[in-house]
Amino acid sequence: MLFEGALERIAQAKGAIAQKQFARKGELISKAAAIVGGLQGSLNDNEGGALAANLDSLYDYIIRRLTQANYENSIDQLDECARLLGEIKSAWDAIGKDV
């Protein structure tokens, strides 16, 4: 699932920061941001209404925080992104696959 891929790359990026592998960190954060961008691009404003608009704003925020985390080598910001994505993933998991 896309959420798991983004969360995995964020976790790997945190490890790369800890190991001072900054080029690798940048690649991993870029991949996580691309996944979140894909989630954002899959939103349907016509059918999703306010929920789609809220998710769009949240995905935009996460992408901006990932970019900032990349620039600042911030594990705290990566943790925030992972927490937000985890909450969204949990909500989708609770809804089920029929939606």
PDB file of N, CA and C in Angstrom:
ATOM      1  N   MET A   1       0.838  -1.173   0.000  1.00  0.00           N
ATOM      2  CA  MET A   1       0.000   0.000   0.000  1.00  0.00           C
ATOM      3  C   MET A   1       0.889   1.244   0.000  1.00  0.00           C
ATOM      4  N   LEU A   2       0.377   2.304  -0.575  1.00  0.00           N
ATOM      5  CA  LEU A   2       1.174   3.518  -0.700  1.00  0.00           C
ATOM      6  C   LEU A   2       1.575   4.107   0.646  1.00  0.00           C
ATOM      7  N   PHE A   3       0.662   4.076   1.598  1.00  0.00           N
ATOM      8  CA  PHE A   3       0.989   4.625   2.914  1.00  0.00           C
ATOM      9  C   PHE A   3       2.184   3.903   3.520  1.00  0.00           C
ATOM     10  N   GLU A   4       2.184   2.581   3.409  1.00  0.00           N
ATOM     11  CA  GLU A   4       3.287   1.801   3.972  1.00  0.00           C
ATOM     12  C   GLU A   4       4.606   2.151   3.295  1.00  0.00           C
ATOM     13  N   GLY A   5       4.566   2.366   1.984  1.00  0.00           N
ATOM     14  CA  GLY A   5       5.774   2.751   1.263  1.00  0.00           C
ATOM     15  C   GLY A   5       6.314   4.089   1.726  1.00  0.00           C
ATOM     16  N   ALA A   6       5.427   5.055   1.910  1.00  0.00           N
ATOM     17  CA  ALA A   6       5.859   6.372   2.387  1.00  0.00           C
ATOM     18  C   ALA A   6       6.412   6.272   3.803  1.00  0.00           C
ATOM     19  N   LEU A   7       5.720   5.534   4.654  1.00  0.00           N
ATOM     20  CA  LEU A   7       6.178   5.385   6.039  1.00  0.00           C
ATOM     21  C   LEU A   7       7.527   4.674   6.110  1.00  0.00           C
ATOM     22  N   GLU A   8       7.716   3.682   5.258  1.00  0.00           N
ATOM     23  CA  GLU A   8       8.993   2.958   5.232  1.00  0.00           C
ATOM     24  C   GLU A   8      10.128   3.884   4.807  1.00  0.00           C
ATOM     25  N   ARG A   9       9.886   4.696   3.797  1.00  0.00           N
ATOM     26  CA  ARG A   9      10.939   5.602   3.331  1.00  0.00           C
ATOM     27  C   ARG A   9      11.256   6.675   4.362  1.00  0.00           C
ATOM     28  N   ILE A  10      10.246   7.134   5.079  1.00  0.00           N
ATOM     29  CA  ILE A  10      10.489   8.107   6.144  1.00  0.00           C
ATOM     30  C   ILE A  10      11.348   7.473   7.240  1.00  0.00           C
ATOM     31  N   ALA A  11      11.034   6.253   7.620  1.00  0.00           N
ATOM     32  CA  ALA A  11      11.833   5.554   8.638  1.00  0.00           C
ATOM     33  C   ALA A  11      13.271   5.370   8.157  1.00  0.00           C
ATOM     34  N   GLN A  12      13.434   5.006   6.894  1.00  0.00           N
ATOM     35  CA  GLN A  12      14.777   4.834   6.343  1.00  0.00           C
ATOM     36  C   GLN A  12      15.524   6.167   6.296  1.00  0.00           C
ATOM     37  N   ALA A  13      14.807   7.248   5.989  1.00  0.00           N
ATOM     38  CA  ALA A  13      15.432   8.576   5.948  1.00  0.00           C
ATOM     39  C   ALA A  13      15.924   8.983   7.333  1.00  0.00           C
ATOM     40  N   LYS A  14      15.160   8.650   8.359  1.00  0.00           N
ATOM     41  CA  LYS A  14      15.601   8.936   9.725  1.00  0.00           C
ATOM     42  C   LYS A  14      16.909   8.206  10.019  1.00  0.00           C
ATOM     43  N   GLY A  15      16.992   6.961   9.594  1.00  0.00           N
ATOM     44  CA  GLY A  15      18.223   6.206   9.772  1.00  0.00           C
ATOM     45  C   GLY A  15      19.381   6.814   9.002  1.00  0.00           C
ATOM     46  N   ALA A  16      19.096   7.287   7.806  1.00  0.00           N
ATOM     47  CA  ALA A  16      20.141   7.912   6.992  1.00  0.00           C
ATOM     48  C   ALA A  16      20.653   9.196   7.646  1.00  0.00           C
ATOM     49  N   ILE A  17      19.748   9.967   8.254  1.00  0.00           N
ATOM     50  CA  ILE A  17      20.186  11.168   8.974  1.00  0.00           C
ATOM     51  C   ILE A  17      21.094  10.772  10.131  1.00  0.00           C
ATOM     52  N   ALA A  18      20.689   9.767  10.890  1.00  0.00           N
ATOM     53  CA  ALA A  18      21.478   9.323  12.038  1.00  0.00           C
ATOM     54  C   ALA A  18      22.865   8.854  11.613  1.00  0.00           C
ATOM     55  N   GLN A  19      22.946   8.268  10.416  1.00  0.00           N
ATOM     56  CA  GLN A  19      24.223   7.759   9.914  1.00  0.00           C
ATOM     57  C   GLN A  19      24.957   8.788   9.052  1.00  0.00           C
ATOM     58  N   LYS A  20      24.397  10.000   8.990  1.00  0.00           N
ATOM     59  CA  LYS A  20      24.987  11.095   8.212  1.00  0.00           C
ATOM     60  C   LYS A  20      25.125  10.749   6.726  1.00  0.00           C
ATOM     61  N   GLN A  21      24.192   9.957   6.227  1.00  0.00           N
ATOM     62  CA  GLN A  21      24.132   9.623   4.802  1.00  0.00           C
ATOM     63  C   GLN A  21      23.123  10.574   4.146  1.00  0.00           C
ATOM     64  N   PHE A  22      23.551  11.822   3.966  1.00  0.00           N
ATOM     65  CA  PHE A  22      22.618  12.869   3.586  1.00  0.00           C
ATOM     66  C   PHE A  22      22.114  12.746   2.153  1.00  0.00           C
ATOM     67  N   ALA A  23      22.921  12.229   1.254  1.00  0.00           N
ATOM     68  CA  ALA A  23      22.438  12.026  -0.114  1.00  0.00           C
ATOM     69  C   ALA A  23      21.335  10.969  -0.127  1.00  0.00           C
ATOM     70  N   ARG A  24      21.556   9.896   0.592  1.00  0.00           N
ATOM     71  CA  ARG A  24      20.543   8.828   0.692  1.00  0.00           C
ATOM     72  C   ARG A  24      19.272   9.358   1.341  1.00  0.00           C
ATOM     73  N   LYS A  25      19.439  10.157   2.397  1.00  0.00           N
ATOM     74  CA  LYS A  25      18.294  10.771   3.070  1.00  0.00           C
ATOM     75  C   LYS A  25      17.463  11.568   2.080  1.00  0.00           C
ATOM     76  N   GLY A  26      18.129  12.355   1.243  1.00  0.00           N
ATOM     77  CA  GLY A  26      17.421  13.164   0.257  1.00  0.00           C
ATOM     78  C   GLY A  26      16.637  12.319  -0.729  1.00  0.00           C
ATOM     79  N   GLU A  27      17.238  11.222  -1.172  1.00  0.00           N
ATOM     80  CA  GLU A  27      16.546  10.316  -2.097  1.00  0.00           C
ATOM     81  C   GLU A  27      15.308   9.711  -1.445  1.00  0.00           C
ATOM     82  N   LEU A  28      15.441   9.287  -0.209  1.00  0.00           N
ATOM     83  CA  LEU A  28      14.328   8.640   0.491  1.00  0.00           C
ATOM     84  C   LEU A  28      13.192   9.615   0.773  1.00  0.00           C
ATOM     85  N   ILE A  29      13.542  10.823   1.188  1.00  0.00           N
ATOM     86  CA  ILE A  29      12.499  11.819   1.440  1.00  0.00           C
ATOM     87  C   ILE A  29      11.820  12.203   0.135  1.00  0.00           C
ATOM     88  N   SER A  30      12.576  12.303  -0.938  1.00  0.00           N
ATOM     89  CA  SER A  30      11.975  12.607  -2.246  1.00  0.00           C
ATOM     90  C   SER A  30      10.995  11.519  -2.661  1.00  0.00           C
ATOM     91  N   LYS A  31      11.352  10.271  -2.413  1.00  0.00           N
ATOM     92  CA  LYS A  31      10.446   9.164  -2.739  1.00  0.00           C
ATOM     93  C   LYS A  31       9.192   9.217  -1.880  1.00  0.00           C
ATOM     94  N   ALA A  32       9.352   9.514  -0.591  1.00  0.00           N
ATOM     95  CA  ALA A  32       8.185   9.628   0.292  1.00  0.00           C
ATOM     96  C   ALA A  32       7.280  10.760  -0.172  1.00  0.00           C
ATOM     97  N   ALA A  33       7.869  11.888  -0.536  1.00  0.00           N
ATOM     98  CA  ALA A  33       7.079  13.029  -1.009  1.00  0.00           C
ATOM     99  C   ALA A  33       6.363  12.690  -2.315  1.00  0.00           C
ATOM    100  N   ALA A  34       7.022  11.936  -3.186  1.00  0.00           N
ATOM    101  CA  ALA A  34       6.380  11.529  -4.444  1.00  0.00           C
ATOM    102  C   ALA A  34       5.187  10.615  -4.177  1.00  0.00           C
ATOM    103  N   ILE A  35       5.318   9.739  -3.208  1.00  0.00           N
ATOM    104  CA  ILE A  35       4.201   8.850  -2.855  1.00  0.00           C
ATOM    105  C   ILE A  35       3.034   9.671  -2.317  1.00  0.00           C
ATOM    106  N   VAL A  36       3.329  10.613  -1.422  1.00  0.00           N
ATOM    107  CA  VAL A  36       2.267  11.466  -0.881  1.00  0.00           C
ATOM    108  C   VAL A  36       1.647  12.291  -2.006  1.00  0.00           C
ATOM    109  N   GLY A  37       2.473  12.751  -2.939  1.00  0.00           N
ATOM    110  CA  GLY A  37       1.950  13.469  -4.099  1.00  0.00           C
ATOM    111  C   GLY A  37       1.032  12.597  -4.936  1.00  0.00           C
ATOM    112  N   GLY A  38       1.360  11.325  -5.052  1.00  0.00           N
ATOM    113  CA  GLY A  38       0.492  10.386  -5.765  1.00  0.00           C
ATOM    114  C   GLY A  38      -0.837  10.204  -5.059  1.00  0.00           C
ATOM    115  N   LEU A  39      -0.793  10.123  -3.736  1.00  0.00           N
ATOM    116  CA  LEU A  39      -2.033  10.041  -2.962  1.00  0.00           C
ATOM    117  C   LEU A  39      -2.865  11.301  -3.172  1.00  0.00           C
ATOM    118  N   GLN A  40      -2.194  12.433  -3.158  1.00  0.00           N
ATOM    119  CA  GLN A  40      -2.879  13.709  -3.352  1.00  0.00           C
ATOM    120  C   GLN A  40      -3.492  13.780  -4.748  1.00  0.00           C
ATOM    121  N   GLY A  41      -2.768  13.319  -5.733  1.00  0.00           N
ATOM    122  CA  GLY A  41      -3.259  13.350  -7.105  1.00  0.00           C
ATOM    123  C   GLY A  41      -4.423  12.416  -7.362  1.00  0.00           C
ATOM    124  N   SER A  42      -4.588  11.420  -6.514  1.00  0.00           N
ATOM    125  CA  SER A  42      -5.680  10.463  -6.709  1.00  0.00           C
ATOM    126  C   SER A  42      -6.996  10.935  -6.096  1.00  0.00           C
ATOM    127  N   LEU A  43      -6.967  12.055  -5.400  1.00  0.00           N
ATOM    128  CA  LEU A  43      -8.195  12.571  -4.790  1.00  0.00           C
ATOM    129  C   LEU A  43      -9.167  13.032  -5.870  1.00  0.00           C
ATOM    130  N   ASN A  44     -10.441  12.782  -5.631  1.00  0.00           N
ATOM    131  CA  ASN A  44     -11.493  13.183  -6.560  1.00  0.00           C
ATOM    132  C   ASN A  44     -12.343  14.254  -5.888  1.00  0.00           C
ATOM    133  N   ASP A  45     -12.121  15.498  -6.283  1.00  0.00           N
ATOM    134  CA  ASP A  45     -12.846  16.608  -5.666  1.00  0.00           C
ATOM    135  C   ASP A  45     -14.346  16.527  -5.906  1.00  0.00           C
ATOM    136  N   ASN A  46     -14.738  16.016  -7.068  1.00  0.00           N
ATOM    137  CA  ASN A  46     -16.167  15.945  -7.390  1.00  0.00           C
ATOM    138  C   ASN A  46     -16.905  14.969  -6.487  1.00  0.00           C
ATOM    139  N   GLU A  47     -16.307  13.828  -6.230  1.00  0.00           N
ATOM    140  CA  GLU A  47     -16.963  12.815  -5.405  1.00  0.00           C
ATOM    141  C   GLU A  47     -16.579  12.914  -3.933  1.00  0.00           C
ATOM    142  N   GLY A  48     -15.402  13.457  -3.657  1.00  0.00           N
ATOM    143  CA  GLY A  48     -14.908  13.485  -2.287  1.00  0.00           C
ATOM    144  C   GLY A  48     -15.349  14.677  -1.470  1.00  0.00           C
ATOM    145  N   GLY A  49     -15.760  15.733  -2.132  1.00  0.00           N
ATOM    146  CA  GLY A  49     -16.250  16.918  -1.436  1.00  0.00           C
ATOM    147  C   GLY A  49     -15.269  17.476  -0.428  1.00  0.00           C
ATOM    148  N   ALA A  50     -15.795  17.793   0.750  1.00  0.00           N
ATOM    149  CA  ALA A  50     -14.987  18.411   1.799  1.00  0.00           C
ATOM    150  C   ALA A  50     -13.874  17.484   2.282  1.00  0.00           C
ATOM    151  N   LEU A  51     -14.146  16.184   2.308  1.00  0.00           N
ATOM    152  CA  LEU A  51     -13.117  15.235   2.743  1.00  0.00           C
ATOM    153  C   LEU A  51     -11.914  15.286   1.808  1.00  0.00           C
ATOM    154  N   ALA A  52     -12.171  15.286   0.506  1.00  0.00           N
ATOM    155  CA  ALA A  52     -11.079  15.357  -0.464  1.00  0.00           C
ATOM    156  C   ALA A  52     -10.312  16.670  -0.314  1.00  0.00           C
ATOM    157  N   ALA A  53     -11.029  17.758  -0.089  1.00  0.00           N
ATOM    158  CA  ALA A  53     -10.372  19.059   0.081  1.00  0.00           C
ATOM    159  C   ALA A  53      -9.498  19.064   1.332  1.00  0.00           C
ATOM    160  N   ASN A  54      -9.997  18.485   2.411  1.00  0.00           N
ATOM    161  CA  ASN A  54      -9.214  18.424   3.650  1.00  0.00           C
ATOM    162  C   ASN A  54      -7.985  17.539   3.493  1.00  0.00           C
ATOM    163  N   LEU A  55      -8.155  16.397   2.834  1.00  0.00           N
ATOM    164  CA  LEU A  55      -7.009  15.520   2.594  1.00  0.00           C
ATOM    165  C   LEU A  55      -5.989  16.195   1.688  1.00  0.00           C
ATOM    166  N   ASP A  56      -6.461  16.920   0.686  1.00  0.00           N
ATOM    167  CA  ASP A  56      -5.566  17.639  -0.212  1.00  0.00           C
ATOM    168  C   ASP A  56      -4.696  18.613   0.582  1.00  0.00           C
ATOM    169  N   SER A  57      -5.320  19.358   1.478  1.00  0.00           N
ATOM    170  CA  SER A  57      -4.573  20.307   2.311  1.00  0.00           C
ATOM    171  C   SER A  57      -3.584  19.585   3.224  1.00  0.00           C
ATOM    172  N   LEU A  58      -4.004  18.469   3.779  1.00  0.00           N
ATOM    173  CA  LEU A  58      -3.133  17.717   4.675  1.00  0.00           C
ATOM    174  C   LEU A  58      -1.953  17.112   3.915  1.00  0.00           C
ATOM    175  N   TYR A  59      -2.212  16.543   2.742  1.00  0.00           N
ATOM    176  CA  TYR A  59      -1.119  16.003   1.933  1.00  0.00           C
ATOM    177  C   TYR A  59      -0.148  17.107   1.535  1.00  0.00           C
ATOM    178  N   ASP A  60      -0.679  18.285   1.192  1.00  0.00           N
ATOM    179  CA  ASP A  60       0.178  19.416   0.847  1.00  0.00           C
ATOM    180  C   ASP A  60       1.066  19.790   2.039  1.00  0.00           C
ATOM    181  N   TYR A  61       0.488  19.821   3.216  1.00  0.00           N
ATOM    182  CA  TYR A  61       1.248  20.132   4.428  1.00  0.00           C
ATOM    183  C   TYR A  61       2.349  19.093   4.654  1.00  0.00           C
ATOM    184  N   ILE A  62       2.015  17.828   4.490  1.00  0.00           N
ATOM    185  CA  ILE A  62       3.000  16.763   4.699  1.00  0.00           C
ATOM    186  C   ILE A  62       4.150  16.899   3.710  1.00  0.00           C
ATOM    187  N   ILE A  63       3.842  17.188   2.459  1.00  0.00           N
ATOM    188  CA  ILE A  63       4.899  17.361   1.457  1.00  0.00           C
ATOM    189  C   ILE A  63       5.799  18.537   1.830  1.00  0.00           C
ATOM    190  N   ARG A  64       5.204  19.636   2.274  1.00  0.00           N
ATOM    191  CA  ARG A  64       6.009  20.797   2.685  1.00  0.00           C
ATOM    192  C   ARG A  64       6.886  20.459   3.890  1.00  0.00           C
ATOM    193  N   ARG A  65       6.352  19.702   4.844  1.00  0.00           N
ATOM    194  CA  ARG A  65       7.138  19.313   6.017  1.00  0.00           C
ATOM    195  C   ARG A  65       8.258  18.344   5.639  1.00  0.00           C
ATOM    196  N   LEU A  66       7.985  17.439   4.705  1.00  0.00           N
ATOM    197  CA  LEU A  66       9.039  16.542   4.228  1.00  0.00           C
ATOM    198  C   LEU A  66      10.163  17.340   3.580  1.00  0.00           C
ATOM    199  N   THR A  67       9.792  18.328   2.781  1.00  0.00           N
ATOM    200  CA  THR A  67      10.788  19.175   2.127  1.00  0.00           C
ATOM    201  C   THR A  67      11.620  19.921   3.165  1.00  0.00           C
ATOM    202  N   GLN A  68      10.954  20.452   4.168  1.00  0.00           N
ATOM    203  CA  GLN A  68      11.649  21.166   5.234  1.00  0.00           C
ATOM    204  C   GLN A  68      12.540  20.210   6.035  1.00  0.00           C
ATOM    205  N   ALA A  69      12.041  19.016   6.308  1.00  0.00           N
ATOM    206  CA  ALA A  69      12.838  18.021   7.032  1.00  0.00           C
ATOM    207  C   ALA A  69      14.092  17.665   6.246  1.00  0.00           C
ATOM    208  N   ASN A  70      13.955  17.575   4.941  1.00  0.00           N
ATOM    209  CA  ASN A  70      15.097  17.274   4.087  1.00  0.00           C
ATOM    210  C   ASN A  70      16.128  18.392   4.180  1.00  0.00           C
ATOM    211  N   TYR A  71      15.665  19.614   4.100  1.00  0.00           N
ATOM    212  CA  TYR A  71      16.558  20.771   4.143  1.00  0.00           C
ATOM    213  C   TYR A  71      17.256  20.894   5.494  1.00  0.00           C
ATOM    214  N   GLU A  72      16.517  20.625   6.575  1.00  0.00           N
ATOM    215  CA  GLU A  72      17.038  20.835   7.927  1.00  0.00           C
ATOM    216  C   GLU A  72      17.563  19.559   8.590  1.00  0.00           C
ATOM    217  N   ASN A  73      17.497  18.427   7.895  1.00  0.00           N
ATOM    218  CA  ASN A  73      17.887  17.138   8.482  1.00  0.00           C
ATOM    219  C   ASN A  73      17.160  16.909   9.810  1.00  0.00           C
ATOM    220  N   SER A  74      15.851  17.127   9.785  1.00  0.00           N
ATOM    221  CA  SER A  74      15.054  17.110  11.012  1.00  0.00           C
ATOM    222  C   SER A  74      14.307  15.793  11.201  1.00  0.00           C
ATOM    223  N   ILE A  75      14.741  15.038  12.169  1.00  0.00           N
ATOM    224  CA  ILE A  75      14.041  13.801  12.517  1.00  0.00           C
ATOM    225  C   ILE A  75      12.677  14.124  13.122  1.00  0.00           C
ATOM    226  N   ASP A  76      12.579  15.210  13.885  1.00  0.00           N
ATOM    227  CA  ASP A  76      11.294  15.594  14.482  1.00  0.00           C
ATOM    228  C   ASP A  76      10.233  15.848  13.412  1.00  0.00           C
ATOM    229  N   GLN A  77      10.602  16.520  12.351  1.00  0.00           N
ATOM    230  CA  GLN A  77       9.650  16.789  11.277  1.00  0.00           C
ATOM    231  C   GLN A  77       9.275  15.505  10.545  1.00  0.00           C
ATOM    232  N   LEU A  78      10.230  14.614  10.389  1.00  0.00           N
ATOM    233  CA  LEU A  78       9.918  13.320   9.782  1.00  0.00           C
ATOM    234  C   LEU A  78       8.972  12.530  10.677  1.00  0.00           C
ATOM    235  N   ASP A  79       9.191  12.607  11.984  1.00  0.00           N
ATOM    236  CA  ASP A  79       8.280  11.935  12.923  1.00  0.00           C
ATOM    237  C   ASP A  79       6.864  12.488  12.798  1.00  0.00           C
ATOM    238  N   GLU A  80       6.753  13.804  12.650  1.00  0.00           N
ATOM    239  CA  GLU A  80       5.437  14.419  12.487  1.00  0.00           C
ATOM    240  C   GLU A  80       4.754  13.904  11.221  1.00  0.00           C
ATOM    241  N   CYS A  81       5.493  13.850  10.129  1.00  0.00           N
ATOM    242  CA  CYS A  81       4.935  13.354   8.865  1.00  0.00           C
ATOM    243  C   CYS A  81       4.502  11.901   8.999  1.00  0.00           C
ATOM    244  N   ALA A  82       5.325  11.101   9.642  1.00  0.00           N
ATOM    245  CA  ALA A  82       4.986   9.687   9.833  1.00  0.00           C
ATOM    246  C   ALA A  82       3.735   9.547  10.694  1.00  0.00           C
ATOM    247  N   ARG A  83       3.627  10.367  11.731  1.00  0.00           N
ATOM    248  CA  ARG A  83       2.447  10.309  12.599  1.00  0.00           C
ATOM    249  C   ARG A  83       1.185  10.668  11.816  1.00  0.00           C
ATOM    250  N   LEU A  84       1.247  11.733  11.030  1.00  0.00           N
ATOM    251  CA  LEU A  84       0.083  12.151  10.247  1.00  0.00           C
ATOM    252  C   LEU A  84      -0.304  11.086   9.224  1.00  0.00           C
ATOM    253  N   LEU A  85       0.680  10.558   8.517  1.00  0.00           N
ATOM    254  CA  LEU A  85       0.386   9.512   7.535  1.00  0.00           C
ATOM    255  C   LEU A  85      -0.164   8.262   8.214  1.00  0.00           C
ATOM    256  N   GLY A  86       0.371   7.934   9.376  1.00  0.00           N
ATOM    257  CA  GLY A  86      -0.130   6.782  10.118  1.00  0.00           C
ATOM    258  C   GLY A  86      -1.583   6.950  10.525  1.00  0.00           C
ATOM    259  N   GLU A  87      -1.948   8.165  10.921  1.00  0.00           N
ATOM    260  CA  GLU A  87      -3.338   8.428  11.298  1.00  0.00           C
ATOM    261  C   GLU A  87      -4.270   8.316  10.093  1.00  0.00           C
ATOM    262  N   ILE A  88      -3.837   8.849   8.959  1.00  0.00           N
ATOM    263  CA  ILE A  88      -4.660   8.750   7.746  1.00  0.00           C
ATOM    264  C   ILE A  88      -4.791   7.288   7.334  1.00  0.00           C
ATOM    265  N   LYS A  89      -3.676   6.558   7.381  1.00  0.00           N
ATOM    266  CA  LYS A  89      -3.699   5.137   7.021  1.00  0.00           C
ATOM    267  C   LYS A  89      -4.655   4.369   7.926  1.00  0.00           C
ATOM    268  N   SER A  90      -4.598   4.635   9.218  1.00  0.00           N
ATOM    269  CA  SER A  90      -5.491   3.951  10.161  1.00  0.00           C
ATOM    270  C   SER A  90      -6.951   4.234   9.844  1.00  0.00           C
ATOM    271  N   ALA A  91      -7.242   5.463   9.474  1.00  0.00           N
ATOM    272  CA  ALA A  91      -8.623   5.817   9.124  1.00  0.00           C
ATOM    273  C   ALA A  91      -9.077   5.059   7.884  1.00  0.00           C
ATOM    274  N   TRP A  92      -8.226   5.007   6.860  1.00  0.00           N
ATOM    275  CA  TRP A  92      -8.594   4.265   5.645  1.00  0.00           C
ATOM    276  C   TRP A  92      -8.736   2.778   5.943  1.00  0.00           C
ATOM    277  N   ASP A  93      -7.847   2.245   6.775  1.00  0.00           N
ATOM    278  CA  ASP A  93      -7.931   0.828   7.138  1.00  0.00           C
ATOM    279  C   ASP A  93      -9.242   0.524   7.859  1.00  0.00           C
ATOM    280  N   ALA A  94      -9.694   1.457   8.690  1.00  0.00           N
ATOM    281  CA  ALA A  94     -10.939   1.256   9.431  1.00  0.00           C
ATOM    282  C   ALA A  94     -12.156   1.293   8.513  1.00  0.00           C
ATOM    283  N   ILE A  95     -12.063   2.095   7.456  1.00  0.00           N
ATOM    284  CA  ILE A  95     -13.179   2.195   6.507  1.00  0.00           C
ATOM    285  C   ILE A  95     -13.319   0.907   5.716  1.00  0.00           C
ATOM    286  N   GLY A  96     -12.205   0.342   5.329  1.00  0.00           N
ATOM    287  CA  GLY A  96     -12.230  -0.892   4.549  1.00  0.00           C
ATOM    288  C   GLY A  96     -11.951  -0.632   3.084  1.00  0.00           C
ATOM    289  N   LYS A  97     -11.905  -1.686   2.325  1.00  0.00           N
ATOM    290  CA  LYS A  97     -11.530  -1.613   0.911  1.00  0.00           C
ATOM    291  C   LYS A  97     -12.696  -1.297  -0.010  1.00  0.00           C
ATOM    292  N   ASP A  98     -13.902  -1.268   0.509  1.00  0.00           N
ATOM    293  CA  ASP A  98     -15.068  -1.032  -0.338  1.00  0.00           C
ATOM    294  C   ASP A  98     -15.236   0.426  -0.732  1.00  0.00           C
ATOM    295  N   VAL A  99     -14.508   1.321  -0.075  1.00  0.00           N
ATOM    296  CA  VAL A  99     -14.679   2.749  -0.345  1.00  0.00           C
ATOM    297  C   VAL A  99     -13.730   3.189  -1.426  1.00  0.00           C
TER     298      VAL A  99
END
